[in-house]
């Protein structure tokens, strides 16, 4: 069931990712927390549940708010900064070998 503001709930998001064959997990951080630049070996699928976060990539910044989804291919360098109200996200990883099998 969608939240009163219209954005999907954490349960909705997790169910949707499960339906895609992914194994989601949730995480959160407080206001202004920063993640240093890093890469992942697998394709990352991330959906913002509440709050906000900005991902910094070589291609530019990607701002996410409630209900926004970002897919980040493996090997793409990125950093992130959490917004002023903190953030809760659900993410899952798609192994590149799984992606190629489709």
PDB file of N, CA and C in Angstrom:
ATOM      1  N   UNK A   1       0.849  -1.187   0.000  1.00  0.00           N
ATOM      2  CA  UNK A   1       0.000   0.000   0.000  1.00  0.00           C
ATOM      3  C   UNK A   1       0.889   1.243   0.000  1.00  0.00           C
ATOM      4  N   UNK A   2       0.674   2.190  -0.891  1.00  0.00           N
ATOM      5  CA  UNK A   2       1.486   3.406  -0.934  1.00  0.00           C
ATOM      6  C   UNK A   2       1.319   4.235   0.336  1.00  0.00           C
ATOM      7  N   UNK A   3       2.326   5.013   0.670  1.00  0.00           N
ATOM      8  CA  UNK A   3       2.248   5.890   1.828  1.00  0.00           C
ATOM      9  C   UNK A   3       1.264   7.015   1.541  1.00  0.00           C
ATOM     10  N   UNK A   4       0.831   7.723   2.570  1.00  0.00           N
ATOM     11  CA  UNK A   4      -0.127   8.817   2.360  1.00  0.00           C
ATOM     12  C   UNK A   4       0.369   9.880   1.384  1.00  0.00           C
ATOM     13  N   UNK A   5       1.688  10.081   1.277  1.00  0.00           N
ATOM     14  CA  UNK A   5       2.230  11.095   0.369  1.00  0.00           C
ATOM     15  C   UNK A   5       2.323  10.576  -1.057  1.00  0.00           C
ATOM     16  N   UNK A   6       1.979   9.313  -1.274  1.00  0.00           N
ATOM     17  CA  UNK A   6       2.023   8.769  -2.614  1.00  0.00           C
ATOM     18  C   UNK A   6       3.281   7.992  -2.948  1.00  0.00           C
ATOM     19  N   UNK A   7       4.335   8.146  -2.166  1.00  0.00           N
ATOM     20  CA  UNK A   7       5.561   7.381  -2.409  1.00  0.00           C
ATOM     21  C   UNK A   7       5.359   5.959  -1.882  1.00  0.00           C
ATOM     22  N   UNK A   8       5.972   4.982  -2.521  1.00  0.00           N
ATOM     23  CA  UNK A   8       5.822   3.605  -2.043  1.00  0.00           C
ATOM     24  C   UNK A   8       6.473   3.415  -0.680  1.00  0.00           C
ATOM     25  N   UNK A   9       5.948   2.499   0.094  1.00  0.00           N
ATOM     26  CA  UNK A   9       6.523   2.179   1.399  1.00  0.00           C
ATOM     27  C   UNK A   9       7.723   1.258   1.220  1.00  0.00           C
ATOM     28  N   UNK A  10       8.485   1.077   2.289  1.00  0.00           N
ATOM     29  CA  UNK A  10       9.628   0.166   2.254  1.00  0.00           C
ATOM     30  C   UNK A  10       9.163  -1.238   1.871  1.00  0.00           C
ATOM     31  N   UNK A  11       8.035  -1.661   2.416  1.00  0.00           N
ATOM     32  CA  UNK A  11       7.500  -2.990   2.102  1.00  0.00           C
ATOM     33  C   UNK A  11       7.164  -3.099   0.618  1.00  0.00           C
ATOM     34  N   UNK A  12       6.549  -2.065   0.049  1.00  0.00           N
ATOM     35  CA  UNK A  12       6.238  -2.047  -1.389  1.00  0.00           C
ATOM     36  C   UNK A  12       7.503  -2.179  -2.223  1.00  0.00           C
ATOM     37  N   UNK A  13       8.510  -1.396  -1.857  1.00  0.00           N
ATOM     38  CA  UNK A  13       9.760  -1.391  -2.613  1.00  0.00           C
ATOM     39  C   UNK A  13      10.440  -2.744  -2.540  1.00  0.00           C
ATOM     40  N   UNK A  14      10.526  -3.311  -1.334  1.00  0.00           N
ATOM     41  CA  UNK A  14      11.148  -4.623  -1.175  1.00  0.00           C
ATOM     42  C   UNK A  14      10.407  -5.676  -1.987  1.00  0.00           C
ATOM     43  N   UNK A  15       9.074  -5.637  -1.976  1.00  0.00           N
ATOM     44  CA  UNK A  15       8.281  -6.601  -2.744  1.00  0.00           C
ATOM     45  C   UNK A  15       8.558  -6.459  -4.235  1.00  0.00           C
ATOM     46  N   UNK A  16       8.655  -5.231  -4.713  1.00  0.00           N
ATOM     47  CA  UNK A  16       8.938  -5.009  -6.123  1.00  0.00           C
ATOM     48  C   UNK A  16      10.303  -5.541  -6.522  1.00  0.00           C
ATOM     49  N   UNK A  17      11.300  -5.333  -5.680  1.00  0.00           N
ATOM     50  CA  UNK A  17      12.640  -5.835  -5.982  1.00  0.00           C
ATOM     51  C   UNK A  17      12.683  -7.361  -5.909  1.00  0.00           C
ATOM     52  N   UNK A  18      11.973  -7.925  -4.936  1.00  0.00           N
ATOM     53  CA  UNK A  18      11.871  -9.392  -4.874  1.00  0.00           C
ATOM     54  C   UNK A  18      11.249  -9.932  -6.163  1.00  0.00           C
ATOM     55  N   UNK A  19      10.227  -9.237  -6.676  1.00  0.00           N
ATOM     56  CA  UNK A  19       9.560  -9.669  -7.917  1.00  0.00           C
ATOM     57  C   UNK A  19      10.506  -9.628  -9.113  1.00  0.00           C
ATOM     58  N   UNK A  20      11.551  -8.804  -9.035  1.00  0.00           N
ATOM     59  CA  UNK A  20      12.562  -8.740 -10.088  1.00  0.00           C
ATOM     60  C   UNK A  20      13.647  -9.809  -9.897  1.00  0.00           C
ATOM     61  N   UNK A  21      13.481 -10.641  -8.860  1.00  0.00           N
ATOM     62  CA  UNK A  21      14.462 -11.682  -8.596  1.00  0.00           C
ATOM     63  C   UNK A  21      15.655 -11.213  -7.781  1.00  0.00           C
ATOM     64  N   UNK A  22      15.525 -10.053  -7.140  1.00  0.00           N
ATOM     65  CA  UNK A  22      16.620  -9.486  -6.362  1.00  0.00           C
ATOM     66  C   UNK A  22      16.404  -9.726  -4.872  1.00  0.00           C
ATOM     67  N   UNK A  23      17.459  -9.573  -4.094  1.00  0.00           N
ATOM     68  CA  UNK A  23      17.390  -9.721  -2.647  1.00  0.00           C
ATOM     69  C   UNK A  23      17.688  -8.362  -2.011  1.00  0.00           C
ATOM     70  N   UNK A  24      16.645  -7.610  -1.681  1.00  0.00           N
ATOM     71  CA  UNK A  24      16.850  -6.259  -1.163  1.00  0.00           C
ATOM     72  C   UNK A  24      17.199  -6.229   0.320  1.00  0.00           C
ATOM     73  N   UNK A  25      17.847  -5.154   0.713  1.00  0.00           N
ATOM     74  CA  UNK A  25      18.049  -4.861   2.128  1.00  0.00           C
ATOM     75  C   UNK A  25      17.925  -3.346   2.305  1.00  0.00           C
ATOM     76  N   UNK A  26      17.543  -2.948   3.494  1.00  0.00           N
ATOM     77  CA  UNK A  26      17.357  -1.514   3.742  1.00  0.00           C
ATOM     78  C   UNK A  26      18.485  -0.980   4.610  1.00  0.00           C
ATOM     79  N   UNK A  27      18.713   0.313   4.492  1.00  0.00           N
ATOM     80  CA  UNK A  27      19.710   0.990   5.313  1.00  0.00           C
ATOM     81  C   UNK A  27      19.295   2.444   5.470  1.00  0.00           C
ATOM     82  N   UNK A  28      19.873   3.099   6.445  1.00  0.00           N
ATOM     83  CA  UNK A  28      19.573   4.514   6.660  1.00  0.00           C
ATOM     84  C   UNK A  28      20.792   5.203   7.264  1.00  0.00           C
ATOM     85  N   UNK A  29      20.795   6.527   7.119  1.00  0.00           N
ATOM     86  CA  UNK A  29      21.838   7.348   7.728  1.00  0.00           C
ATOM     87  C   UNK A  29      21.255   8.692   8.091  1.00  0.00           C
ATOM     88  N   UNK A  30      21.886   9.328   9.057  1.00  0.00           N
ATOM     89  CA  UNK A  30      21.458  10.636   9.513  1.00  0.00           C
ATOM     90  C   UNK A  30      21.878  11.746   8.569  1.00  0.00           C
ATOM     91  N   UNK A  31      21.409  12.920   8.881  1.00  0.00           N
ATOM     92  CA  UNK A  31      21.635  14.110   8.059  1.00  0.00           C
ATOM     93  C   UNK A  31      23.113  14.356   7.779  1.00  0.00           C
ATOM     94  N   UNK A  32      23.394  14.717   6.545  1.00  0.00           N
ATOM     95  CA  UNK A  32      24.708  15.164   6.076  1.00  0.00           C
ATOM     96  C   UNK A  32      25.795  14.096   6.105  1.00  0.00           C
ATOM     97  N   UNK A  33      25.434  12.843   6.317  1.00  0.00           N
ATOM     98  CA  UNK A  33      26.437  11.773   6.262  1.00  0.00           C
ATOM     99  C   UNK A  33      26.969  11.688   4.823  1.00  0.00           C
ATOM    100  N   UNK A  34      28.258  11.434   4.677  1.00  0.00           N
ATOM    101  CA  UNK A  34      28.856  11.325   3.345  1.00  0.00           C
ATOM    102  C   UNK A  34      29.514   9.974   3.156  1.00  0.00           C
ATOM    103  N   UNK A  35      29.338   9.429   1.959  1.00  0.00           N
ATOM    104  CA  UNK A  35      30.024   8.210   1.539  1.00  0.00           C
ATOM    105  C   UNK A  35      31.135   8.632   0.593  1.00  0.00           C
ATOM    106  N   UNK A  36      32.352   8.177   0.843  1.00  0.00           N
ATOM    107  CA  UNK A  36      33.459   8.485  -0.046  1.00  0.00           C
ATOM    108  C   UNK A  36      33.316   7.755  -1.375  1.00  0.00           C
ATOM    109  N   UNK A  37      34.068   8.189  -2.340  1.00  0.00           N
ATOM    110  CA  UNK A  37      34.024   7.600  -3.685  1.00  0.00           C
ATOM    111  C   UNK A  37      34.417   6.122  -3.627  1.00  0.00           C
ATOM    112  N   UNK A  38      33.620   5.297  -4.305  1.00  0.00           N
ATOM    113  CA  UNK A  38      33.867   3.861  -4.354  1.00  0.00           C
ATOM    114  C   UNK A  38      33.162   3.265  -5.571  1.00  0.00           C
ATOM    115  N   UNK A  39      33.386   1.982  -5.830  1.00  0.00           N
ATOM    116  CA  UNK A  39      32.725   1.257  -6.916  1.00  0.00           C
ATOM    117  C   UNK A  39      32.206  -0.063  -6.375  1.00  0.00           C
ATOM    118  N   UNK A  40      31.255  -0.643  -7.101  1.00  0.00           N
ATOM    119  CA  UNK A  40      30.720  -1.964  -6.767  1.00  0.00           C
ATOM    120  C   UNK A  40      30.977  -2.894  -7.945  1.00  0.00           C
ATOM    121  N   UNK A  41      31.193  -4.159  -7.641  1.00  0.00           N
ATOM    122  CA  UNK A  41      31.441  -5.149  -8.684  1.00  0.00           C
ATOM    123  C   UNK A  41      30.179  -5.636  -9.364  1.00  0.00           C
ATOM    124  N   UNK A  42      29.021  -5.329  -8.780  1.00  0.00           N
ATOM    125  CA  UNK A  42      27.740  -5.740  -9.355  1.00  0.00           C
ATOM    126  C   UNK A  42      26.861  -4.521  -9.595  1.00  0.00           C
ATOM    127  N   UNK A  43      25.861  -4.698 -10.425  1.00  0.00           N
ATOM    128  CA  UNK A  43      24.896  -3.649 -10.767  1.00  0.00           C
ATOM    129  C   UNK A  43      24.053  -3.340  -9.523  1.00  0.00           C
ATOM    130  N   UNK A  44      24.012  -2.080  -9.126  1.00  0.00           N
ATOM    131  CA  UNK A  44      23.282  -1.668  -7.925  1.00  0.00           C
ATOM    132  C   UNK A  44      21.933  -1.078  -8.308  1.00  0.00           C
ATOM    133  N   UNK A  45      20.884  -1.531  -7.638  1.00  0.00           N
ATOM    134  CA  UNK A  45      19.539  -0.972  -7.783  1.00  0.00           C
ATOM    135  C   UNK A  45      19.185  -0.380  -6.427  1.00  0.00           C
ATOM    136  N   UNK A  46      18.864   0.896  -6.382  1.00  0.00           N
ATOM    137  CA  UNK A  46      18.595   1.578  -5.119  1.00  0.00           C
ATOM    138  C   UNK A  46      17.323   2.403  -5.246  1.00  0.00           C
ATOM    139  N   UNK A  47      16.474   2.324  -4.220  1.00  0.00           N
ATOM    140  CA  UNK A  47      15.247   3.119  -4.184  1.00  0.00           C
ATOM    141  C   UNK A  47      15.220   3.862  -2.855  1.00  0.00           C
ATOM    142  N   UNK A  48      14.977   5.158  -2.913  1.00  0.00           N
ATOM    143  CA  UNK A  48      14.865   5.989  -1.713  1.00  0.00           C
ATOM    144  C   UNK A  48      13.472   5.793  -1.105  1.00  0.00           C
ATOM    145  N   UNK A  49      13.434   5.497   0.183  1.00  0.00           N
ATOM    146  CA  UNK A  49      12.165   5.314   0.897  1.00  0.00           C
ATOM    147  C   UNK A  49      11.720   6.640   1.511  1.00  0.00           C
ATOM    148  N   UNK A  50      12.637   7.298   2.207  1.00  0.00           N
ATOM    149  CA  UNK A  50      12.314   8.578   2.843  1.00  0.00           C
ATOM    150  C   UNK A  50      13.575   9.424   2.941  1.00  0.00           C
ATOM    151  N   UNK A  51      13.384  10.723   3.118  1.00  0.00           N
ATOM    152  CA  UNK A  51      14.513  11.634   3.172  1.00  0.00           C
ATOM    153  C   UNK A  51      15.071  11.888   1.784  1.00  0.00           C
ATOM    154  N   UNK A  52      16.382  12.142   1.713  1.00  0.00           N
ATOM    155  CA  UNK A  52      16.995  12.415   0.414  1.00  0.00           C
ATOM    156  C   UNK A  52      18.480  12.081   0.453  1.00  0.00           C
ATOM    157  N   UNK A  53      19.023  11.858  -0.751  1.00  0.00           N
ATOM    158  CA  UNK A  53      20.437  11.575  -0.914  1.00  0.00           C
ATOM    159  C   UNK A  53      20.843  12.012  -2.317  1.00  0.00           C
ATOM    160  N   UNK A  54      22.067  12.483  -2.440  1.00  0.00           N
ATOM    161  CA  UNK A  54      22.600  12.868  -3.745  1.00  0.00           C
ATOM    162  C   UNK A  54      23.807  11.981  -4.030  1.00  0.00           C
ATOM    163  N   UNK A  55      23.765  11.285  -5.162  1.00  0.00           N
ATOM    164  CA  UNK A  55      24.895  10.477  -5.609  1.00  0.00           C
ATOM    165  C   UNK A  55      25.722  11.323  -6.558  1.00  0.00           C
ATOM    166  N   UNK A  56      27.025  11.301  -6.355  1.00  0.00           N
ATOM    167  CA  UNK A  56      27.957  12.093  -7.153  1.00  0.00           C
ATOM    168  C   UNK A  56      28.707  11.133  -8.074  1.00  0.00           C
ATOM    169  N   UNK A  57      28.506  11.279  -9.384  1.00  0.00           N
ATOM    170  CA  UNK A  57      29.176  10.431 -10.370  1.00  0.00           C
ATOM    171  C   UNK A  57      29.942  11.324 -11.343  1.00  0.00           C
ATOM    172  N   UNK A  58      30.780  10.713 -12.139  1.00  0.00           N
ATOM    173  CA  UNK A  58      31.509  11.479 -13.151  1.00  0.00           C
ATOM    174  C   UNK A  58      30.556  12.116 -14.161  1.00  0.00           C
ATOM    175  N   UNK A  59      29.376  11.517 -14.348  1.00  0.00           N
ATOM    176  CA  UNK A  59      28.389  12.047 -15.287  1.00  0.00           C
ATOM    177  C   UNK A  59      27.542  13.163 -14.683  1.00  0.00           C
ATOM    178  N   UNK A  60      27.693  13.403 -13.382  1.00  0.00           N
ATOM    179  CA  UNK A  60      26.916  14.442 -12.712  1.00  0.00           C
ATOM    180  C   UNK A  60      26.240  13.913 -11.466  1.00  0.00           C
ATOM    181  N   UNK A  61      25.559  14.806 -10.771  1.00  0.00           N
ATOM    182  CA  UNK A  61      24.869  14.446  -9.545  1.00  0.00           C
ATOM    183  C   UNK A  61      23.482  13.893  -9.846  1.00  0.00           C
ATOM    184  N   UNK A  62      23.076  12.929  -9.024  1.00  0.00           N
ATOM    185  CA  UNK A  62      21.744  12.331  -9.134  1.00  0.00           C
ATOM    186  C   UNK A  62      21.087  12.461  -7.765  1.00  0.00           C
ATOM    187  N   UNK A  63      20.058  13.307  -7.670  1.00  0.00           N
ATOM    188  CA  UNK A  63      19.342  13.535  -6.414  1.00  0.00           C
ATOM    189  C   UNK A  63      18.146  12.594  -6.332  1.00  0.00           C
ATOM    190  N   UNK A  64      18.012  11.924  -5.195  1.00  0.00           N
ATOM    191  CA  UNK A  64      16.893  11.003  -4.988  1.00  0.00           C
ATOM    192  C   UNK A  64      16.077  11.433  -3.777  1.00  0.00           C
ATOM    193  N   UNK A  65      14.758  11.343  -3.926  1.00  0.00           N
ATOM    194  CA  UNK A  65      13.819  11.574  -2.840  1.00  0.00           C
ATOM    195  C   UNK A  65      12.894  10.374  -2.751  1.00  0.00           C
ATOM    196  N   UNK A  66      11.900  10.408  -1.873  1.00  0.00           N
ATOM    197  CA  UNK A  66      11.012   9.271  -1.675  1.00  0.00           C
ATOM    198  C   UNK A  66      10.422   8.730  -2.981  1.00  0.00           C
ATOM    199  N   UNK A  67      10.623   7.436  -3.192  1.00  0.00           N
ATOM    200  CA  UNK A  67      10.099   6.753  -4.372  1.00  0.00           C
ATOM    201  C   UNK A  67      11.021   6.763  -5.577  1.00  0.00           C
ATOM    202  N   UNK A  68      12.089   7.561  -5.550  1.00  0.00           N
ATOM    203  CA  UNK A  68      13.009   7.628  -6.690  1.00  0.00           C
ATOM    204  C   UNK A  68      13.917   6.402  -6.727  1.00  0.00           C
ATOM    205  N   UNK A  69      14.175   5.923  -7.934  1.00  0.00           N
ATOM    206  CA  UNK A  69      15.000   4.738  -8.160  1.00  0.00           C
ATOM    207  C   UNK A  69      16.213   5.117  -9.002  1.00  0.00           C
ATOM    208  N   UNK A  70      17.353   4.509  -8.649  1.00  0.00           N
ATOM    209  CA  UNK A  70      18.583   4.709  -9.398  1.00  0.00           C
ATOM    210  C   UNK A  70      19.199   3.342  -9.661  1.00  0.00           C
ATOM    211  N   UNK A  71      19.677   3.147 -10.883  1.00  0.00           N
ATOM    212  CA  UNK A  71      20.417   1.932 -11.215  1.00  0.00           C
ATOM    213  C   UNK A  71      21.829   2.357 -11.576  1.00  0.00           C
ATOM    214  N   UNK A  72      22.783   1.718 -10.952  1.00  0.00           N
ATOM    215  CA  UNK A  72      24.180   2.074 -11.132  1.00  0.00           C
ATOM    216  C   UNK A  72      24.931   0.839 -11.635  1.00  0.00           C
ATOM    217  N   UNK A  73      25.389   0.862 -12.875  1.00  0.00           N
ATOM    218  CA  UNK A  73      26.107  -0.290 -13.415  1.00  0.00           C
ATOM    219  C   UNK A  73      27.377  -0.583 -12.610  1.00  0.00           C
ATOM    220  N   UNK A  74      27.807  -1.821 -12.646  1.00  0.00           N
ATOM    221  CA  UNK A  74      29.030  -2.191 -11.947  1.00  0.00           C
ATOM    222  C   UNK A  74      30.198  -1.369 -12.463  1.00  0.00           C
ATOM    223  N   UNK A  75      31.119  -1.067 -11.577  1.00  0.00           N
ATOM    224  CA  UNK A  75      32.319  -0.354 -11.957  1.00  0.00           C
ATOM    225  C   UNK A  75      32.199   1.151 -12.067  1.00  0.00           C
ATOM    226  N   UNK A  76      31.009   1.708 -11.861  1.00  0.00           N
ATOM    227  CA  UNK A  76      30.830   3.160 -11.955  1.00  0.00           C
ATOM    228  C   UNK A  76      31.184   3.786 -10.606  1.00  0.00           C
ATOM    229  N   UNK A  77      32.205   4.634 -10.612  1.00  0.00           N
ATOM    230  CA  UNK A  77      32.620   5.310  -9.388  1.00  0.00           C
ATOM    231  C   UNK A  77      31.566   6.306  -8.940  1.00  0.00           C
ATOM    232  N   UNK A  78      31.341   6.357  -7.634  1.00  0.00           N
ATOM    233  CA  UNK A  78      30.357   7.284  -7.097  1.00  0.00           C
ATOM    234  C   UNK A  78      30.636   7.563  -5.622  1.00  0.00           C
ATOM    235  N   UNK A  79      30.139   8.673  -5.153  1.00  0.00           N
ATOM    236  CA  UNK A  79      30.121   9.062  -3.750  1.00  0.00           C
ATOM    237  C   UNK A  79      28.687   9.504  -3.479  1.00  0.00           C
ATOM    238  N   UNK A  80      28.358   9.795  -2.221  1.00  0.00           N
ATOM    239  CA  UNK A  80      26.994  10.223  -1.917  1.00  0.00           C
ATOM    240  C   UNK A  80      26.976  11.112  -0.686  1.00  0.00           C
ATOM    241  N   UNK A  81      25.983  12.002  -0.659  1.00  0.00           N
ATOM    242  CA  UNK A  81      25.766  12.878   0.484  1.00  0.00           C
ATOM    243  C   UNK A  81      24.296  12.809   0.869  1.00  0.00           C
ATOM    244  N   UNK A  82      24.046  12.498   2.129  1.00  0.00           N
ATOM    245  CA  UNK A  82      22.685  12.406   2.656  1.00  0.00           C
ATOM    246  C   UNK A  82      22.146  13.806   2.904  1.00  0.00           C
ATOM    247  N   UNK A  83      20.857  13.992   2.638  1.00  0.00           N
ATOM    248  CA  UNK A  83      20.209  15.287   2.833  1.00  0.00           C
ATOM    249  C   UNK A  83      20.001  15.644   4.297  1.00  0.00           C
ATOM    250  N   UNK A  84      19.432  16.814   4.520  1.00  0.00           N
ATOM    251  CA  UNK A  84      19.257  17.377   5.849  1.00  0.00           C
ATOM    252  C   UNK A  84      18.326  16.646   6.781  1.00  0.00           C
ATOM    253  N   UNK A  85      17.455  15.790   6.247  1.00  0.00           N
ATOM    254  CA  UNK A  85      16.526  15.034   7.086  1.00  0.00           C
ATOM    255  C   UNK A  85      16.935  13.571   7.211  1.00  0.00           C
ATOM    256  N   UNK A  86      18.147  13.231   6.766  1.00  0.00           N
ATOM    257  CA  UNK A  86      18.559  11.832   6.772  1.00  0.00           C
ATOM    258  C   UNK A  86      17.966  11.116   5.568  1.00  0.00           C
ATOM    259  N   UNK A  87      18.186   9.802   5.507  1.00  0.00           N
ATOM    260  CA  UNK A  87      17.683   9.016   4.383  1.00  0.00           C
ATOM    261  C   UNK A  87      17.471   7.568   4.803  1.00  0.00           C
ATOM    262  N   UNK A  88      16.468   6.942   4.216  1.00  0.00           N
ATOM    263  CA  UNK A  88      16.289   5.491   4.291  1.00  0.00           C
ATOM    264  C   UNK A  88      16.177   5.002   2.861  1.00  0.00           C
ATOM    265  N   UNK A  89      16.925   3.960   2.528  1.00  0.00           N
ATOM    266  CA  UNK A  89      16.917   3.402   1.180  1.00  0.00           C
ATOM    267  C   UNK A  89      16.790   1.891   1.241  1.00  0.00           C
ATOM    268  N   UNK A  90      16.346   1.330   0.141  1.00  0.00           N
ATOM    269  CA  UNK A  90      16.363  -0.113  -0.074  1.00  0.00           C
ATOM    270  C   UNK A  90      17.227  -0.332  -1.300  1.00  0.00           C
ATOM    271  N   UNK A  91      18.156  -1.280  -1.203  1.00  0.00           N
ATOM    272  CA  UNK A  91      19.004  -1.560  -2.349  1.00  0.00           C
ATOM    273  C   UNK A  91      19.166  -3.057  -2.544  1.00  0.00           C
ATOM    274  N   UNK A  92      19.553  -3.401  -3.751  1.00  0.00           N
ATOM    275  CA  UNK A  92      19.834  -4.791  -4.104  1.00  0.00           C
ATOM    276  C   UNK A  92      20.885  -4.772  -5.191  1.00  0.00           C
ATOM    277  N   UNK A  93      21.545  -5.891  -5.357  1.00  0.00           N
ATOM    278  CA  UNK A  93      22.585  -6.000  -6.378  1.00  0.00           C
ATOM    279  C   UNK A  93      22.221  -7.090  -7.363  1.00  0.00           C
ATOM    280  N   UNK A  94      22.430  -6.785  -8.621  1.00  0.00           N
ATOM    281  CA  UNK A  94      22.213  -7.754  -9.696  1.00  0.00           C
ATOM    282  C   UNK A  94      23.598  -8.122 -10.208  1.00  0.00           C
ATOM    283  N   UNK A  95      23.961  -9.379 -10.047  1.00  0.00           N
ATOM    284  CA  UNK A  95      25.262  -9.811 -10.563  1.00  0.00           C
ATOM    285  C   UNK A  95      25.274  -9.642 -12.057  1.00  0.00           C
ATOM    286  N   UNK A  96      26.381  -9.217 -12.585  1.00  0.00           N
ATOM    287  CA  UNK A  96      26.489  -9.007 -14.036  1.00  0.00           C
ATOM    288  C   UNK A  96      26.214 -10.297 -14.787  1.00  0.00           C
ATOM    289  N   UNK A  97      26.588 -11.454 -14.220  1.00  0.00           N
ATOM    290  CA  UNK A  97      26.322 -12.726 -14.904  1.00  0.00           C
ATOM    291  C   UNK A  97      24.811 -12.994 -14.970  1.00  0.00           C
ATOM    292  N   UNK A  98      24.068 -12.573 -13.937  1.00  0.00           N
ATOM    293  CA  UNK A  98      22.610 -12.716 -13.967  1.00  0.00           C
ATOM    294  C   UNK A  98      22.011 -11.815 -15.034  1.00  0.00           C
ATOM    295  N   UNK A  99      22.532 -10.625 -15.151  1.00  0.00           N
ATOM    296  CA  UNK A  99      22.029  -9.660 -16.123  1.00  0.00           C
ATOM    297  C   UNK A  99      22.265 -10.166 -17.551  1.00  0.00           C
ATOM    298  N   UNK A 100      23.435 -10.778 -17.787  1.00  0.00           N
ATOM    299  CA  UNK A 100      23.761 -11.295 -19.113  1.00  0.00           C
ATOM    300  C   UNK A 100      22.913 -12.485 -19.492  1.00  0.00           C
ATOM    301  N   UNK A 101      22.383 -13.203 -18.483  1.00  0.00           N
ATOM    302  CA  UNK A 101      21.606 -14.416 -18.737  1.00  0.00           C
ATOM    303  C   UNK A 101      20.193 -14.103 -19.230  1.00  0.00           C
ATOM    304  N   UNK A 102      19.765 -12.852 -19.112  1.00  0.00           N
ATOM    305  CA  UNK A 102      18.386 -12.499 -19.513  1.00  0.00           C
ATOM    306  C   UNK A 102      18.209 -12.479 -21.003  1.00  0.00           C
TER     307      UNK A 102
END
